[in-house]
Protein backbone atom coordinates (compact mmCIF):
# COMPACT_ATOMS: atom_id res chain seq x y z
CA MET A 1 -3.43 -13.99 -2.49
CA ASP A 2 -0.40 -11.98 -1.91
CA ILE A 3 0.32 -11.48 1.66
CA ILE A 4 1.93 -7.80 1.99
CA PRO A 5 3.54 -6.38 5.10
CA ALA A 6 3.63 -2.71 5.44
CA ILE A 7 6.47 -0.55 6.54
CA ASP A 8 5.58 3.15 7.07
CA LEU A 9 8.98 5.32 7.23
CA ILE A 10 8.86 8.65 9.02
CA ASP A 11 12.43 9.93 9.59
CA GLY A 12 13.90 6.51 8.48
CA LYS A 13 12.10 4.83 11.32
CA CYS A 14 9.14 2.07 11.15
CA VAL A 15 6.11 3.84 12.42
CA ARG A 16 2.27 3.52 12.34
CA LEU A 17 -0.60 5.60 12.22
CA SER A 18 -4.10 5.66 12.94
CA GLN A 19 -6.65 6.87 10.31
CA GLY A 20 -3.74 8.77 8.76
CA ASP A 21 -3.45 11.37 11.38
CA TYR A 22 0.19 12.18 12.12
CA ASN A 23 -0.19 13.03 15.43
CA SER A 24 -1.18 9.68 16.05
CA LYS A 25 2.42 8.07 15.56
CA LYS A 26 3.96 5.39 16.98
CA ILE A 27 7.42 3.97 16.73
CA TYR A 28 7.78 0.27 16.35
CA ASN A 29 11.41 -0.02 15.37
CA GLU A 30 14.19 2.38 14.42
CA ASN A 31 15.69 0.02 11.90
CA PRO A 32 13.10 -0.82 9.22
CA LEU A 33 15.76 -3.40 7.83
CA GLU A 34 15.33 -5.52 10.81
CA VAL A 35 11.89 -5.41 10.44
CA ALA A 36 12.06 -6.47 6.69
CA GLN A 37 14.38 -9.20 7.23
CA ALA A 38 12.02 -10.70 10.12
CA PHE A 39 9.15 -10.65 7.75
CA GLU A 40 11.37 -12.12 4.66
CA ALA A 41 12.42 -15.17 7.21
CA HIS A 42 9.08 -15.98 7.79
CA GLY A 43 8.26 -16.37 4.10
CA ILE A 44 7.17 -13.21 3.02
CA GLU A 45 7.87 -12.34 -0.60
CA HIS A 46 6.12 -8.55 -1.03
CA LEU A 47 6.72 -5.54 0.87
CA HIS A 48 4.56 -2.15 1.20
CA LEU A 49 7.02 0.56 1.50
CA VAL A 50 5.30 4.19 2.47
CA ASP A 51 7.21 7.24 2.72
CA LEU A 52 5.25 9.09 5.04
CA ASP A 53 7.77 12.19 5.19
CA GLY A 54 7.71 12.02 1.16
CA ALA A 55 4.09 12.32 1.38
CA LYS A 56 3.89 15.21 3.60
CA ALA A 57 6.76 16.94 1.53
CA ALA A 58 5.17 15.94 -2.06
CA HIS A 59 8.70 14.41 -3.19
CA ILE A 60 10.67 11.48 -2.37
CA VAL A 61 12.37 11.44 0.95
CA ASN A 62 12.95 8.11 2.55
CA HIS A 63 15.09 6.56 -0.80
CA LYS A 64 17.82 5.34 0.87
CA THR A 65 16.20 3.25 3.31
CA LEU A 66 14.36 1.75 0.30
CA GLU A 67 17.76 1.33 -1.21
CA ARG A 68 18.78 -0.36 1.91
CA LEU A 69 15.88 -2.79 1.99
CA ALA A 70 15.98 -3.60 -1.36
CA THR A 71 19.88 -4.70 -1.54
CA ARG A 72 19.70 -6.45 1.66
CA THR A 73 16.63 -8.51 1.28
CA ARG A 74 14.99 -10.34 -1.60
CA LEU A 75 11.34 -8.77 -1.04
CA LYS A 76 9.50 -7.56 -3.76
CA ILE A 77 8.87 -3.88 -2.69
CA ASP A 78 6.11 -1.82 -3.72
CA PHE A 79 7.05 1.94 -2.81
CA GLY A 80 4.91 4.96 -2.51
CA GLY A 81 4.35 8.24 -0.70
CA GLY A 82 5.37 11.59 -2.31
CA LEU A 83 5.98 10.76 -5.84
CA LYS A 84 5.12 13.41 -7.56
CA SER A 85 7.37 14.09 -10.37
CA ASP A 86 9.48 12.01 -13.08
CA ASP A 87 12.36 12.37 -10.77
CA ASP A 88 10.71 10.85 -7.97
CA VAL A 89 9.67 7.77 -9.65
CA ARG A 90 13.28 7.43 -11.39
CA ILE A 91 14.88 7.69 -7.84
CA ALA A 92 12.61 4.90 -6.58
CA PHE A 93 13.22 2.45 -9.21
CA GLU A 94 16.92 3.25 -9.39
CA SER A 95 16.76 2.55 -5.48
CA GLY A 96 15.48 -0.86 -6.07
CA ALA A 97 11.54 -0.40 -5.89
CA ALA A 98 9.93 -3.35 -7.98
CA GLN A 99 6.77 -1.17 -8.38
CA ILE A 100 5.34 2.20 -7.39
CA THR A 101 2.14 3.13 -6.03
CA GLY A 102 0.72 6.44 -7.30
CA GLY A 103 -2.15 7.85 -5.32
CA SER A 104 -2.53 11.91 -4.96
CA ILE A 105 -0.81 12.14 -8.40
CA ALA A 106 -3.22 10.04 -10.06
CA VAL A 107 -5.90 12.48 -8.94
CA LYS A 108 -4.32 15.86 -9.34
CA ASN A 109 -2.01 15.19 -12.10
CA PRO A 110 -3.37 12.14 -14.22
CA THR A 111 -1.42 13.65 -17.53
CA VAL A 112 1.88 12.91 -15.24
CA PHE A 113 0.40 9.36 -13.92
CA GLU A 114 -0.54 8.13 -17.70
CA SER A 115 3.07 8.77 -18.60
CA TRP A 116 4.56 6.57 -16.10
CA LEU A 117 1.89 3.85 -17.06
CA GLN A 118 3.22 4.19 -20.65
CA ARG A 119 7.12 4.51 -19.64
CA TYR A 120 7.22 1.89 -17.24
CA GLY A 121 4.37 -0.48 -17.93
CA THR A 122 1.20 -1.40 -16.10
CA GLN A 123 3.08 -3.86 -14.24
CA LYS A 124 5.39 -1.58 -12.38
CA ILE A 125 2.78 0.94 -11.71
CA ILE A 126 0.29 0.65 -8.93
CA LEU A 127 -2.84 2.84 -8.38
CA GLY A 128 -3.26 3.78 -4.77
CA ALA A 129 -7.22 4.54 -4.07
CA ASP A 130 -7.39 5.83 -0.59
CA VAL A 131 -10.78 6.55 0.39
CA ARG A 132 -13.39 8.09 2.91
CA ASP A 133 -17.24 7.43 2.48
CA GLU A 134 -16.40 6.30 -1.52
CA LYS A 135 -14.79 9.37 -2.16
CA VAL A 136 -10.92 9.61 -3.12
CA ALA A 137 -8.61 11.07 -0.60
CA THR A 138 -5.32 12.75 -1.39
CA ASN A 139 -2.26 14.06 0.39
CA GLY A 140 -1.61 11.41 3.18
CA TRP A 141 -5.52 11.64 3.58
CA ILE A 142 -5.34 15.11 4.84
CA GLU A 143 -7.61 16.38 1.70
CA THR A 144 -11.07 14.39 0.40
CA SER A 145 -11.50 15.22 -3.53
CA ASP A 146 -14.94 15.03 -5.02
CA LYS A 147 -14.02 11.99 -6.84
CA ASP A 148 -16.17 9.03 -6.62
CA LEU A 149 -13.83 5.77 -6.18
CA PHE A 150 -15.73 3.63 -9.03
CA GLU A 151 -15.39 6.33 -11.54
CA PHE A 152 -11.77 6.96 -10.76
CA VAL A 153 -10.42 3.49 -10.89
CA SER A 154 -12.82 2.37 -13.81
CA SER A 155 -11.32 5.45 -15.59
CA TYR A 156 -7.77 3.92 -14.87
CA MET A 157 -8.59 0.33 -15.65
CA GLN A 158 -9.40 1.75 -19.09
CA LYS A 159 -6.00 2.94 -19.19
CA GLY A 160 -4.38 -0.04 -18.43
CA VAL A 161 -3.85 -0.24 -14.64
CA GLN A 162 -4.39 -3.95 -13.26
CA ARG A 163 -3.56 -3.44 -9.61
CA VAL A 164 -5.29 -1.30 -7.01
CA ILE A 165 -4.48 -0.67 -3.59
CA CYS A 166 -7.59 0.35 -1.87
CA THR A 167 -7.33 1.78 1.79
CA ASP A 168 -10.54 2.62 3.60
CA ILE A 169 -9.41 5.47 5.87
CA SER A 170 -11.68 5.05 8.44
CA LYS A 171 -10.51 1.71 9.19
CA ASP A 172 -7.02 2.13 8.97
CA GLY A 173 -4.61 1.42 11.76
CA MET A 174 -8.14 0.79 14.15
CA LEU A 175 -7.70 -2.96 14.19
CA ALA A 176 -11.41 -3.28 13.65
CA GLY A 177 -11.56 -5.41 10.65
CA PRO A 178 -11.18 -4.65 6.89
CA SER A 179 -14.08 -3.27 4.73
CA PHE A 180 -15.50 -6.46 3.03
CA SER A 181 -18.74 -4.76 1.99
CA LEU A 182 -16.81 -2.16 -0.14
CA TYR A 183 -14.08 -4.67 -1.52
CA GLN A 184 -17.12 -7.01 -2.72
CA LYS A 185 -18.64 -3.79 -4.40
CA MET A 186 -15.33 -3.02 -6.34
CA ILE A 187 -14.67 -6.78 -7.38
CA GLU A 188 -18.42 -6.99 -8.34
CA GLN A 189 -18.52 -3.70 -10.17
CA LEU A 190 -14.94 -3.19 -11.56
CA PRO A 191 -14.42 -6.77 -13.19
CA GLY A 192 -10.94 -7.92 -13.76
CA ILE A 193 -9.44 -5.41 -11.23
CA ASP A 194 -6.49 -6.73 -9.32
CA LEU A 195 -7.61 -5.94 -5.84
CA VAL A 196 -5.43 -5.26 -2.87
CA ALA A 197 -7.37 -5.01 0.45
CA SER A 198 -5.71 -2.34 2.91
CA GLY A 199 -6.89 -0.98 6.21
CA GLY A 200 -8.39 -2.39 9.38
CA ILE A 201 -6.52 -6.13 8.95
CA SER A 202 -6.99 -7.72 12.54
CA THR A 203 -6.98 -10.91 12.90
CA LEU A 204 -5.80 -13.83 10.80
CA GLU A 205 -9.37 -15.31 10.07
CA GLU A 206 -10.09 -12.12 7.73
CA LEU A 207 -7.63 -13.34 5.40
CA PRO A 208 -9.55 -16.29 4.03
CA LYS A 209 -12.61 -13.88 4.00
CA LEU A 210 -10.92 -11.34 1.38
CA LYS A 211 -9.21 -14.26 -0.49
CA THR A 212 -13.04 -15.45 -0.99
CA LEU A 213 -14.12 -12.24 -2.18
CA GLY A 214 -11.53 -12.30 -4.91
CA CYS A 215 -8.70 -9.88 -3.60
CA ALA A 216 -5.77 -10.47 -5.22
CA GLY A 217 -3.73 -9.46 -2.06
CA VAL A 218 -3.67 -7.84 1.52
CA ILE A 219 -1.79 -5.40 3.11
CA ILE A 220 -1.16 -6.31 6.85
CA GLY A 221 0.25 -3.35 9.24
CA LYS A 222 -0.71 -2.52 12.94
CA ALA A 223 -1.97 -6.05 13.44
CA LEU A 224 1.45 -7.57 12.83
CA TYR A 225 3.28 -4.93 14.87
CA GLU A 226 0.86 -5.27 17.60
CA ASN A 227 1.41 -9.26 17.67
CA ARG A 228 -2.89 -9.54 16.74
CA ILE A 229 -1.25 -11.66 13.90
CA PRO A 230 2.11 -13.32 14.97
CA LEU A 231 4.41 -13.77 12.00
CA LYS A 232 4.49 -17.44 12.71
CA SER A 233 0.95 -17.76 12.12
CA LEU A 234 1.30 -15.82 8.66
CA GLU A 235 3.82 -18.29 8.12
CA HIS A 236 1.28 -21.07 8.24
CA TYR A 237 -1.44 -19.30 6.02
CA ILE A 238 1.09 -18.79 3.43
CA LEU A 239 2.46 -22.56 3.41
CA GLN A 240 -1.55 -23.37 3.35
CA GLN A 241 -2.53 -21.21 0.56
């Protein structure tokens, strides 16, 4: 199971929100490169980088920060937030993203998202399924659509999508534990899904439970920044896998 720390960007700074609320912003570090290099120093190989400015503006904003992290670490960076056009995706890949995540675009403009799958391949395009009460949410979680999570993910898996990041918005940033039951249901009902759990991770003990469920990866955010999961303990967990 991939251990994937998250860095959320606003104004080029490393921040965290609670349940996607921009008013809950807390700045943890003004230098995301410093944070990324600390992750790498503890054996981390993957990074989930989210452009929250981009999510709000509906186009890529923090690509310079992406480029700095990609050129000064060896982390495999998955980049998302505000990717709405072919130009946005081109800039993200040219700036060093190994993969990109499309969420709102996959809901609102499936033709464009499907064209990215065809152009770049399913290894490089991740489906972001942000969910509230099993309905897909969009636009930085400001809007909830009427799309059922399971139908939405299933339809894209039929088009070749492999990796899906599912974030339960009610859990995100709350440090109250992830949605074990939701992930179990997804793995049971969507055979073959390469599922990355996101939202609510609060203790090291939750990681083996997610692995046992069959999750392919887990994104950890606030628990790292609040030292609920010390990087050193994560290092030991990675070695034990």
